[in-house]
């Protein structure tokens, strides 16, 4: 993030993105790019894809990812329903839907970036 924020030109940002994409953790890279686009003058007007499209494994469970992968590999259209994964017996799980709702989860992550 700090490297991207120090860039004074688009060329500098693109070259740094290309370098760091190959030399750092994917999650850290995505976080740094998204956060820099939000906060840097160079990012003004850039519309990035939603995080649930870039890192779907962070927003849904592995069963849904596997079903989507299988559908893609077999060229079969599909609609995938994700069930609530918590249990009402555990008091902390009563609000688990906030973490399982893709819209709420995306809002939460973006709010932290901002």
C-alpha atoms as a PDB file:
ATOM      1  CA  UNK A   1       0.000   0.000   0.000  1.00  0.00           C
ATOM      2  CA  UNK A   2       2.752   2.442   0.949  1.00  0.00           C
ATOM      3  CA  UNK A   3       4.597   1.821  -2.323  1.00  0.00           C
ATOM      4  CA  UNK A   4       1.460   2.527  -4.379  1.00  0.00           C
ATOM      5  CA  UNK A   5       0.711   5.672  -2.386  1.00  0.00           C
ATOM      6  CA  UNK A   6       4.211   7.005  -3.115  1.00  0.00           C
ATOM      7  CA  UNK A   7       3.712   6.714  -6.881  1.00  0.00           C
ATOM      8  CA  UNK A   8       3.355  10.075  -8.602  1.00  0.00           C
ATOM      9  CA  UNK A   9       2.518   8.738 -12.069  1.00  0.00           C
ATOM     10  CA  UNK A  10       0.320   6.056 -13.563  1.00  0.00           C
ATOM     11  CA  UNK A  11       3.400   4.422 -15.127  1.00  0.00           C
ATOM     12  CA  UNK A  12       5.019   4.088 -11.693  1.00  0.00           C
ATOM     13  CA  UNK A  13       1.857   2.510 -10.229  1.00  0.00           C
ATOM     14  CA  UNK A  14       1.469   0.018 -13.081  1.00  0.00           C
ATOM     15  CA  UNK A  15       5.113  -1.064 -12.955  1.00  0.00           C
ATOM     16  CA  UNK A  16       4.963  -1.493  -9.183  1.00  0.00           C
ATOM     17  CA  UNK A  17       1.727  -3.471  -9.481  1.00  0.00           C
ATOM     18  CA  UNK A  18       3.321  -5.793 -12.031  1.00  0.00           C
ATOM     19  CA  UNK A  19       6.360  -6.314  -9.806  1.00  0.00           C
ATOM     20  CA  UNK A  20       4.546  -6.789  -6.499  1.00  0.00           C
ATOM     21  CA  UNK A  21       1.910  -9.088  -8.013  1.00  0.00           C
ATOM     22  CA  UNK A  22       4.671 -11.643  -8.529  1.00  0.00           C
ATOM     23  CA  UNK A  23       6.523 -11.054  -5.249  1.00  0.00           C
ATOM     24  CA  UNK A  24       3.928 -10.950  -2.492  1.00  0.00           C
ATOM     25  CA  UNK A  25       0.964 -12.815  -1.077  1.00  0.00           C
ATOM     26  CA  UNK A  26      -2.149 -12.623  -3.290  1.00  0.00           C
ATOM     27  CA  UNK A  27      -4.422 -11.451  -0.473  1.00  0.00           C
ATOM     28  CA  UNK A  28      -2.038  -8.713   0.621  1.00  0.00           C
ATOM     29  CA  UNK A  29      -1.611  -7.602  -2.975  1.00  0.00           C
ATOM     30  CA  UNK A  30      -5.361  -7.354  -3.612  1.00  0.00           C
ATOM     31  CA  UNK A  31      -5.826  -5.452  -0.348  1.00  0.00           C
ATOM     32  CA  UNK A  32      -2.981  -3.035  -1.195  1.00  0.00           C
ATOM     33  CA  UNK A  33      -4.248  -2.347  -4.725  1.00  0.00           C
ATOM     34  CA  UNK A  34      -7.880  -1.852  -3.702  1.00  0.00           C
ATOM     35  CA  UNK A  35      -6.948   0.369  -0.762  1.00  0.00           C
ATOM     36  CA  UNK A  36      -4.524   2.429  -2.858  1.00  0.00           C
ATOM     37  CA  UNK A  37      -7.139   2.928  -5.588  1.00  0.00           C
ATOM     38  CA  UNK A  38      -9.546   4.237  -2.937  1.00  0.00           C
ATOM     39  CA  UNK A  39      -7.031   6.631  -1.358  1.00  0.00           C
ATOM     40  CA  UNK A  40      -4.682   7.694  -4.170  1.00  0.00           C
ATOM     41  CA  UNK A  41      -5.315  10.539  -6.619  1.00  0.00           C
ATOM     42  CA  UNK A  42      -4.165   8.154  -9.364  1.00  0.00           C
ATOM     43  CA  UNK A  43      -7.112   5.899  -8.546  1.00  0.00           C
ATOM     44  CA  UNK A  44      -9.745   8.575  -9.158  1.00  0.00           C
ATOM     45  CA  UNK A  45     -12.319   7.234 -11.616  1.00  0.00           C
ATOM     46  CA  UNK A  46     -11.081   3.636 -11.528  1.00  0.00           C
ATOM     47  CA  UNK A  47     -13.846   1.086 -11.035  1.00  0.00           C
ATOM     48  CA  UNK A  48     -12.499  -2.214  -9.727  1.00  0.00           C
ATOM     49  CA  UNK A  49     -14.493  -5.454  -9.859  1.00  0.00           C
ATOM     50  CA  UNK A  50     -16.247  -6.401  -6.622  1.00  0.00           C
ATOM     51  CA  UNK A  51     -14.013  -8.274  -4.206  1.00  0.00           C
ATOM     52  CA  UNK A  52     -16.355 -11.278  -4.250  1.00  0.00           C
ATOM     53  CA  UNK A  53     -15.462 -11.717  -7.934  1.00  0.00           C
ATOM     54  CA  UNK A  54     -11.710 -11.395  -7.374  1.00  0.00           C
ATOM     55  CA  UNK A  55     -11.535 -13.541  -4.223  1.00  0.00           C
ATOM     56  CA  UNK A  56     -14.758 -15.597  -4.126  1.00  0.00           C
ATOM     57  CA  UNK A  57     -13.259 -18.056  -1.640  1.00  0.00           C
ATOM     58  CA  UNK A  58     -13.348 -15.272   0.971  1.00  0.00           C
ATOM     59  CA  UNK A  59     -17.097 -14.769   0.605  1.00  0.00           C
ATOM     60  CA  UNK A  60     -18.548 -18.272   0.312  1.00  0.00           C
ATOM     61  CA  UNK A  61     -17.809 -21.800   1.429  1.00  0.00           C
ATOM     62  CA  UNK A  62     -15.803 -24.443  -0.407  1.00  0.00           C
ATOM     63  CA  UNK A  63     -18.862 -26.457  -1.474  1.00  0.00           C
ATOM     64  CA  UNK A  64     -20.171 -23.534  -3.530  1.00  0.00           C
ATOM     65  CA  UNK A  65     -16.723 -22.904  -5.026  1.00  0.00           C
ATOM     66  CA  UNK A  66     -16.507 -26.582  -6.025  1.00  0.00           C
ATOM     67  CA  UNK A  67     -19.986 -26.535  -7.611  1.00  0.00           C
ATOM     68  CA  UNK A  68     -19.154 -23.376  -9.567  1.00  0.00           C
ATOM     69  CA  UNK A  69     -15.825 -24.841 -10.706  1.00  0.00           C
ATOM     70  CA  UNK A  70     -17.531 -28.049 -11.860  1.00  0.00           C
ATOM     71  CA  UNK A  71     -20.187 -26.060 -13.722  1.00  0.00           C
ATOM     72  CA  UNK A  72     -17.507 -24.008 -15.467  1.00  0.00           C
ATOM     73  CA  UNK A  73     -15.448 -27.040 -16.437  1.00  0.00           C
ATOM     74  CA  UNK A  74     -18.505 -28.864 -17.839  1.00  0.00           C
ATOM     75  CA  UNK A  75     -19.943 -25.714 -19.486  1.00  0.00           C
ATOM     76  CA  UNK A  76     -23.154 -26.170 -17.498  1.00  0.00           C
ATOM     77  CA  UNK A  77     -25.098 -23.169 -16.234  1.00  0.00           C
ATOM     78  CA  UNK A  78     -26.081 -23.315 -12.603  1.00  0.00           C
ATOM     79  CA  UNK A  79     -27.602 -21.459  -9.698  1.00  0.00           C
ATOM     80  CA  UNK A  80     -25.990 -22.238  -6.376  1.00  0.00           C
ATOM     81  CA  UNK A  81     -27.728 -21.774  -3.047  1.00  0.00           C
ATOM     82  CA  UNK A  82     -25.657 -21.415   0.096  1.00  0.00           C
ATOM     83  CA  UNK A  83     -27.270 -22.447   3.364  1.00  0.00           C
ATOM     84  CA  UNK A  84     -26.600 -20.888   6.747  1.00  0.00           C
ATOM     85  CA  UNK A  85     -23.594 -22.670   8.238  1.00  0.00           C
ATOM     86  CA  UNK A  86     -23.894 -21.640  11.882  1.00  0.00           C
ATOM     87  CA  UNK A  87     -25.841 -23.187  14.723  1.00  0.00           C
ATOM     88  CA  UNK A  88     -28.393 -21.386  16.873  1.00  0.00           C
ATOM     89  CA  UNK A  89     -27.086 -23.207  19.942  1.00  0.00           C
ATOM     90  CA  UNK A  90     -23.887 -21.135  19.885  1.00  0.00           C
ATOM     91  CA  UNK A  91     -24.765 -17.542  20.869  1.00  0.00           C
ATOM     92  CA  UNK A  92     -21.935 -16.083  18.772  1.00  0.00           C
ATOM     93  CA  UNK A  93     -23.322 -17.812  15.680  1.00  0.00           C
ATOM     94  CA  UNK A  94     -26.612 -15.898  15.965  1.00  0.00           C
ATOM     95  CA  UNK A  95     -25.066 -13.053  13.962  1.00  0.00           C
ATOM     96  CA  UNK A  96     -23.049 -15.302  11.632  1.00  0.00           C
ATOM     97  CA  UNK A  97     -25.310 -14.277   8.746  1.00  0.00           C
ATOM     98  CA  UNK A  98     -23.436 -10.956   8.604  1.00  0.00           C
ATOM     99  CA  UNK A  99     -20.338 -12.885   7.565  1.00  0.00           C
ATOM    100  CA  UNK A 100     -22.274 -15.134   5.215  1.00  0.00           C
ATOM    101  CA  UNK A 101     -24.177 -12.400   3.404  1.00  0.00           C
ATOM    102  CA  UNK A 102     -22.011 -11.468   0.405  1.00  0.00           C
ATOM    103  CA  UNK A 103     -23.353  -7.918   0.261  1.00  0.00           C
ATOM    104  CA  UNK A 104     -22.806  -7.250   3.972  1.00  0.00           C
ATOM    105  CA  UNK A 105     -19.388  -8.896   3.891  1.00  0.00           C
ATOM    106  CA  UNK A 106     -18.306  -6.830   0.869  1.00  0.00           C
ATOM    107  CA  UNK A 107     -19.541  -3.647   2.542  1.00  0.00           C
ATOM    108  CA  UNK A 108     -17.643  -4.520   5.728  1.00  0.00           C
ATOM    109  CA  UNK A 109     -14.348  -5.169   3.928  1.00  0.00           C
ATOM    110  CA  UNK A 110     -14.687  -2.020   1.783  1.00  0.00           C
ATOM    111  CA  UNK A 111     -15.573   0.050   4.853  1.00  0.00           C
ATOM    112  CA  UNK A 112     -12.333  -1.055   6.508  1.00  0.00           C
ATOM    113  CA  UNK A 113     -10.364  -0.133   3.387  1.00  0.00           C
ATOM    114  CA  UNK A 114     -11.919   3.323   3.370  1.00  0.00           C
END
